Amino acid sequence: MLLAVAVENTRTLVGLIDEGTVKRHWWVGTDSRRTADEWAVLLEGLLTGESPVSGIAVCSAVPHVLHELRDVVARYYRDIPSVVVEPGVKTGLPVLVDNPREVGTDRISNALAAVHRFGAPCIVADFGTATTVDVVNPGGAFVGGAIAPGIESSVDALGVSAAQLRRVELVRPRSVVAKNTVEALQSGAIFGFAALVDGLITRIIADQGLDRSTVTVVATGALAPLVVPECAQIDYHEPFLTLHGLNEAFARNN
């Protein structure tokens, strides 16, 4: 059983994978103050009653958390094979950008899983703390993408910066044309980000000279269920895409 840990800025996805299938998963808050010992206690609690772990794979968009998780692996799981997705780790996915070390390892894991499951070319839209749209070209190489603010962070920023606006629950409103402020904010968040991602995908396909019929577009991320039903360009929703990428990276390195 592979223990896969994918750290985002606000949430961390923890999963147990057996023969390519995510058997269990948990979303926990990402806290950069959490120590290695606290992570160990948290993971031990989640894994209580589960099958023994035979491998560990980690990726992290938060450097301090990655440092603590390395310590967890070294001290609490030192006899178990592990891989941390980072520059220099074998993925089989060429990264053709100006500075490959700048690319978040969650984006690489997503792209790796998308290629493995759907083939190239493909586009991955990740609705998390940030909204990312990444591209794998027909040759199977990661060639970059676009990064926009996340849905939650955008709505929260409005609540802080605009005197007459406030934070609202992110749910689909009754109509695009809202009759009250709460639903107006929800409309802008849900339908607005659906239009943003659809627009980016359309522009990316044109920019790369791709035929839309040959491109698979995959959505993932904690907030994807809010937006995917409103997107015209999404072909598949894979909630555990990052975990599948970690599973593939572990297999290639062990």
Protein backbone atom coordinates (compact mmCIF):
# COMPACT_ATOMS: atom_id res chain seq x y z
CA MET A 1 0.00 0.00 0.00
CA LEU A 2 1.48 3.34 -1.07
CA LEU A 3 1.06 6.36 1.20
CA ALA A 4 0.87 9.42 -1.06
CA VAL A 5 0.97 12.96 0.34
CA ALA A 6 0.33 15.97 -1.91
CA VAL A 7 0.79 19.29 -0.12
CA GLU A 8 -0.90 22.43 -1.43
CA ASN A 9 -0.78 25.88 0.14
CA THR A 10 -4.06 25.56 2.04
CA ARG A 11 -4.93 21.84 1.86
CA THR A 12 -3.03 18.57 1.85
CA LEU A 13 -4.37 15.45 0.14
CA VAL A 14 -3.33 12.19 1.79
CA GLY A 15 -4.15 8.93 0.05
CA LEU A 16 -3.60 5.18 0.22
CA ILE A 17 -3.06 3.59 -3.18
CA ASP A 18 -3.15 -0.12 -3.89
CA GLU A 19 -2.33 -1.37 -7.40
CA GLY A 20 -3.17 1.98 -8.95
CA THR A 21 -6.47 2.47 -7.10
CA VAL A 22 -6.98 5.10 -4.41
CA LYS A 23 -8.47 3.06 -1.58
CA ARG A 24 -8.72 5.83 1.04
CA HIS A 25 -8.15 9.57 1.00
CA TRP A 26 -8.24 12.46 3.45
CA TRP A 27 -8.06 16.25 3.06
CA VAL A 28 -6.25 17.97 5.94
CA GLY A 29 -5.32 21.61 6.44
CA THR A 30 -1.82 22.65 5.43
CA ASP A 31 -0.09 24.31 8.36
CA SER A 32 3.49 25.45 7.80
CA ARG A 33 3.96 25.54 11.60
CA ARG A 34 3.24 21.80 11.95
CA THR A 35 6.38 19.96 13.04
CA ALA A 36 7.61 16.61 11.82
CA ASP A 37 6.43 14.97 15.04
CA GLU A 38 2.97 16.49 14.62
CA TRP A 39 2.83 15.25 11.02
CA ALA A 40 3.82 11.79 12.24
CA VAL A 41 1.02 11.78 14.82
CA LEU A 42 -1.48 13.00 12.21
CA LEU A 43 -0.50 10.32 9.70
CA GLU A 44 -0.49 7.62 12.35
CA GLY A 45 -4.05 8.60 13.30
CA LEU A 46 -5.24 8.50 9.70
CA LEU A 47 -3.59 5.13 9.07
CA THR A 48 -4.99 3.44 12.18
CA GLY A 49 -6.76 0.25 11.10
CA GLU A 50 -5.44 0.44 7.54
CA SER A 51 -3.17 -2.04 5.75
CA PRO A 52 0.56 -1.61 6.35
CA VAL A 53 2.33 1.01 4.26
CA SER A 54 4.91 -0.41 1.86
CA GLY A 55 5.99 2.84 0.19
CA ILE A 56 5.72 6.62 0.51
CA ALA A 57 5.54 9.33 -2.18
CA VAL A 58 5.46 13.05 -1.43
CA CYS A 59 5.16 16.29 -3.35
CA SER A 60 4.83 19.72 -1.81
CA ALA A 61 4.22 23.30 -2.95
CA VAL A 62 5.24 24.54 0.52
CA PRO A 63 9.02 24.30 1.16
CA HIS A 64 8.79 24.34 4.98
CA VAL A 65 6.24 21.54 5.00
CA LEU A 66 8.40 19.54 2.61
CA HIS A 67 11.33 19.91 5.03
CA GLU A 68 9.22 18.54 7.89
CA LEU A 69 7.87 15.66 5.79
CA ARG A 70 11.41 14.67 4.83
CA ASP A 71 12.13 14.43 8.54
CA VAL A 72 8.99 12.31 9.05
CA VAL A 73 10.09 9.87 6.33
CA ALA A 74 13.66 9.72 7.66
CA ARG A 75 12.73 9.11 11.29
CA TYR A 76 9.38 7.33 11.29
CA TYR A 77 9.41 5.42 7.99
CA ARG A 78 13.14 4.93 7.43
CA ASP A 79 12.77 1.24 6.49
CA ILE A 80 10.12 1.92 3.83
CA PRO A 81 10.99 2.88 0.21
CA SER A 82 10.13 6.51 -0.50
CA VAL A 83 10.33 9.15 -3.20
CA VAL A 84 10.00 12.92 -3.02
CA VAL A 85 9.02 14.44 -6.36
CA GLU A 86 11.52 17.22 -7.02
CA PRO A 87 14.06 18.24 -9.68
CA GLY A 88 16.31 15.30 -10.46
CA VAL A 89 13.74 12.62 -9.67
CA LYS A 90 12.93 10.31 -12.57
CA THR A 91 9.43 10.94 -13.93
CA GLY A 92 9.82 10.24 -17.64
CA LEU A 93 8.26 13.67 -18.25
CA PRO A 94 10.60 16.23 -19.88
CA VAL A 95 10.04 19.72 -18.47
CA LEU A 96 10.64 22.22 -21.27
CA VAL A 97 10.40 25.58 -19.49
CA ASP A 98 12.87 28.38 -18.74
CA ASN A 99 13.62 27.13 -15.22
CA PRO A 100 12.31 23.62 -14.47
CA ARG A 101 13.12 24.02 -10.76
CA GLU A 102 10.47 26.73 -10.49
CA VAL A 103 7.62 24.47 -11.56
CA GLY A 104 5.54 23.23 -8.64
CA THR A 105 5.92 19.51 -8.12
CA ASP A 106 2.14 19.18 -7.81
CA ARG A 107 1.87 20.48 -11.38
CA ILE A 108 4.46 17.92 -12.52
CA SER A 109 2.62 15.11 -10.70
CA ASN A 110 -0.66 16.14 -12.32
CA ALA A 111 0.87 16.23 -15.79
CA LEU A 112 2.61 12.88 -15.25
CA ALA A 113 -0.66 11.25 -14.22
CA ALA A 114 -2.59 12.83 -17.11
CA VAL A 115 -0.11 11.53 -19.68
CA HIS A 116 -0.07 8.09 -18.09
CA ARG A 117 -3.87 7.82 -18.01
CA PHE A 118 -4.93 9.70 -21.14
CA GLY A 119 -1.88 10.11 -23.37
CA ALA A 120 -0.50 13.24 -25.00
CA PRO A 121 -1.30 15.97 -25.84
CA CYS A 122 -3.29 16.90 -22.75
CA ILE A 123 -4.17 19.87 -20.58
CA VAL A 124 -4.63 19.80 -16.81
CA ALA A 125 -6.76 22.37 -14.98
CA ASP A 126 -6.17 22.31 -11.22
CA PHE A 127 -8.63 24.21 -9.04
CA GLY A 128 -6.78 24.69 -5.78
CA THR A 129 -5.25 27.57 -3.84
CA ALA A 130 -4.26 28.83 -7.28
CA THR A 131 -5.97 27.92 -10.53
CA THR A 132 -3.42 26.38 -12.90
CA VAL A 133 -3.82 25.26 -16.49
CA ASP A 134 -0.83 23.20 -17.67
CA VAL A 135 0.07 21.71 -21.03
CA VAL A 136 1.71 18.49 -22.18
CA ASN A 137 2.60 18.62 -25.88
CA PRO A 138 2.10 15.82 -28.42
CA GLY A 139 5.63 14.59 -27.68
CA GLY A 140 4.78 14.02 -24.01
CA ALA A 141 6.72 16.99 -22.60
CA PHE A 142 5.52 19.51 -20.05
CA VAL A 143 5.76 22.87 -21.86
CA GLY A 144 4.30 25.27 -19.28
CA GLY A 145 0.92 26.78 -18.62
CA ALA A 146 -0.98 29.57 -16.93
CA ILE A 147 -1.54 30.45 -13.27
CA ALA A 148 -4.52 32.47 -12.05
CA PRO A 149 -5.76 33.24 -8.54
CA GLY A 150 -7.71 30.49 -6.82
CA ILE A 151 -11.47 30.74 -6.38
CA GLU A 152 -11.38 30.92 -2.59
CA SER A 153 -8.50 33.38 -2.45
CA SER A 154 -10.26 35.67 -4.92
CA VAL A 155 -13.52 35.68 -2.99
CA ASP A 156 -11.68 36.17 0.31
CA ALA A 157 -9.72 39.10 -1.16
CA LEU A 158 -12.98 40.79 -2.15
CA GLY A 159 -14.33 40.27 1.35
CA VAL A 160 -11.26 41.95 2.83
CA SER A 161 -10.79 44.76 0.31
CA ALA A 162 -14.35 45.80 -0.57
CA ALA A 163 -16.26 47.54 2.22
CA GLN A 164 -19.74 46.36 1.21
CA LEU A 165 -18.79 42.81 0.22
CA ARG A 166 -18.18 39.83 2.46
CA ARG A 167 -17.03 36.23 2.36
CA VAL A 168 -19.71 33.86 1.09
CA GLU A 169 -20.21 30.11 0.85
CA LEU A 170 -18.98 28.82 -2.49
CA VAL A 171 -22.05 27.12 -3.97
CA ARG A 172 -23.75 27.41 -7.35
CA PRO A 173 -26.23 30.32 -7.36
CA ARG A 174 -29.72 30.08 -8.82
CA SER A 175 -28.81 32.16 -11.86
CA VAL A 176 -25.90 33.89 -13.56
CA VAL A 177 -27.80 37.15 -13.14
CA ALA A 178 -28.07 37.35 -9.35
CA LYS A 179 -30.75 39.24 -7.43
CA ASN A 180 -28.70 39.74 -4.25
CA THR A 181 -25.11 40.39 -3.25
CA VAL A 182 -24.38 36.90 -1.93
CA GLU A 183 -25.49 35.19 -5.14
CA ALA A 184 -23.76 37.86 -7.22
CA LEU A 185 -20.47 36.93 -5.55
CA GLN A 186 -21.20 33.24 -6.05
CA SER A 187 -22.02 33.84 -9.72
CA GLY A 188 -18.79 35.69 -10.30
CA ALA A 189 -16.80 32.98 -8.56
CA ILE A 190 -18.39 29.86 -10.07
CA PHE A 191 -19.38 31.02 -13.55
CA GLY A 192 -16.53 33.51 -13.79
CA PHE A 193 -13.83 30.94 -13.12
CA ALA A 194 -15.52 28.44 -15.46
CA ALA A 195 -15.32 31.06 -18.21
CA LEU A 196 -11.72 31.89 -17.27
CA VAL A 197 -10.60 28.27 -17.55
CA ASP A 198 -12.58 27.63 -20.73
CA GLY A 199 -11.04 30.75 -22.24
CA LEU A 200 -7.50 29.78 -21.25
CA ILE A 201 -7.92 26.29 -22.68
CA THR A 202 -9.24 27.66 -25.97
CA ARG A 203 -6.35 30.11 -26.22
CA ILE A 204 -3.76 27.46 -25.29
CA ILE A 205 -5.00 25.07 -27.96
CA ALA A 206 -4.81 27.85 -30.57
CA ASP A 207 -1.40 29.04 -29.33
CA GLN A 208 0.07 25.52 -29.52
CA GLY A 209 -1.47 24.79 -32.92
CA LEU A 210 -3.32 21.75 -31.58
CA ASP A 211 -6.42 20.05 -32.91
CA ARG A 212 -9.04 20.13 -30.14
CA SER A 213 -10.20 16.62 -31.03
CA THR A 214 -6.74 15.24 -30.17
CA VAL A 215 -6.39 17.02 -26.80
CA THR A 216 -7.66 15.54 -23.53
CA VAL A 217 -8.55 18.15 -20.91
CA VAL A 218 -8.55 16.92 -17.31
CA ALA A 219 -9.68 18.79 -14.19
CA THR A 220 -8.56 18.15 -10.64
CA GLY A 221 -8.23 19.96 -7.32
CA ALA A 222 -10.31 20.38 -4.19
CA LEU A 223 -12.54 23.05 -5.75
CA ALA A 224 -13.02 21.34 -9.12
CA PRO A 225 -16.49 19.93 -8.26
CA LEU A 226 -17.76 23.52 -7.96
CA VAL A 227 -16.66 24.60 -11.42
CA VAL A 228 -16.33 21.55 -13.68
CA PRO A 229 -20.10 21.21 -14.31
CA GLU A 230 -20.07 24.76 -15.69
CA CYS A 231 -17.03 24.27 -17.96
CA ALA A 232 -17.51 23.47 -21.64
CA GLN A 233 -13.89 22.46 -22.27
CA ILE A 234 -13.31 19.86 -19.52
CA ASP A 235 -13.37 16.24 -20.73
CA TYR A 236 -12.69 14.41 -17.46
CA HIS A 237 -12.72 15.15 -13.75
CA GLU A 238 -10.06 13.20 -11.86
CA PRO A 239 -10.16 14.22 -8.17
CA PHE A 240 -7.08 12.15 -7.28
CA LEU A 241 -4.91 13.05 -10.27
CA THR A 242 -2.02 14.26 -8.09
CA LEU A 243 -2.05 11.02 -6.09
CA HIS A 244 -1.94 8.98 -9.30
CA GLY A 245 1.04 11.07 -10.41
CA LEU A 246 2.81 10.30 -7.13
CA ASN A 247 2.05 6.62 -7.62
CA GLU A 248 3.58 6.75 -11.10
CA ALA A 249 6.67 8.61 -9.83
CA PHE A 250 7.14 6.05 -7.03
CA ALA A 251 6.91 3.18 -9.52
CA ARG A 252 9.53 4.77 -11.78
CA ASN A 253 11.96 5.28 -8.90
CA ASN A 254 11.47 1.97 -7.09
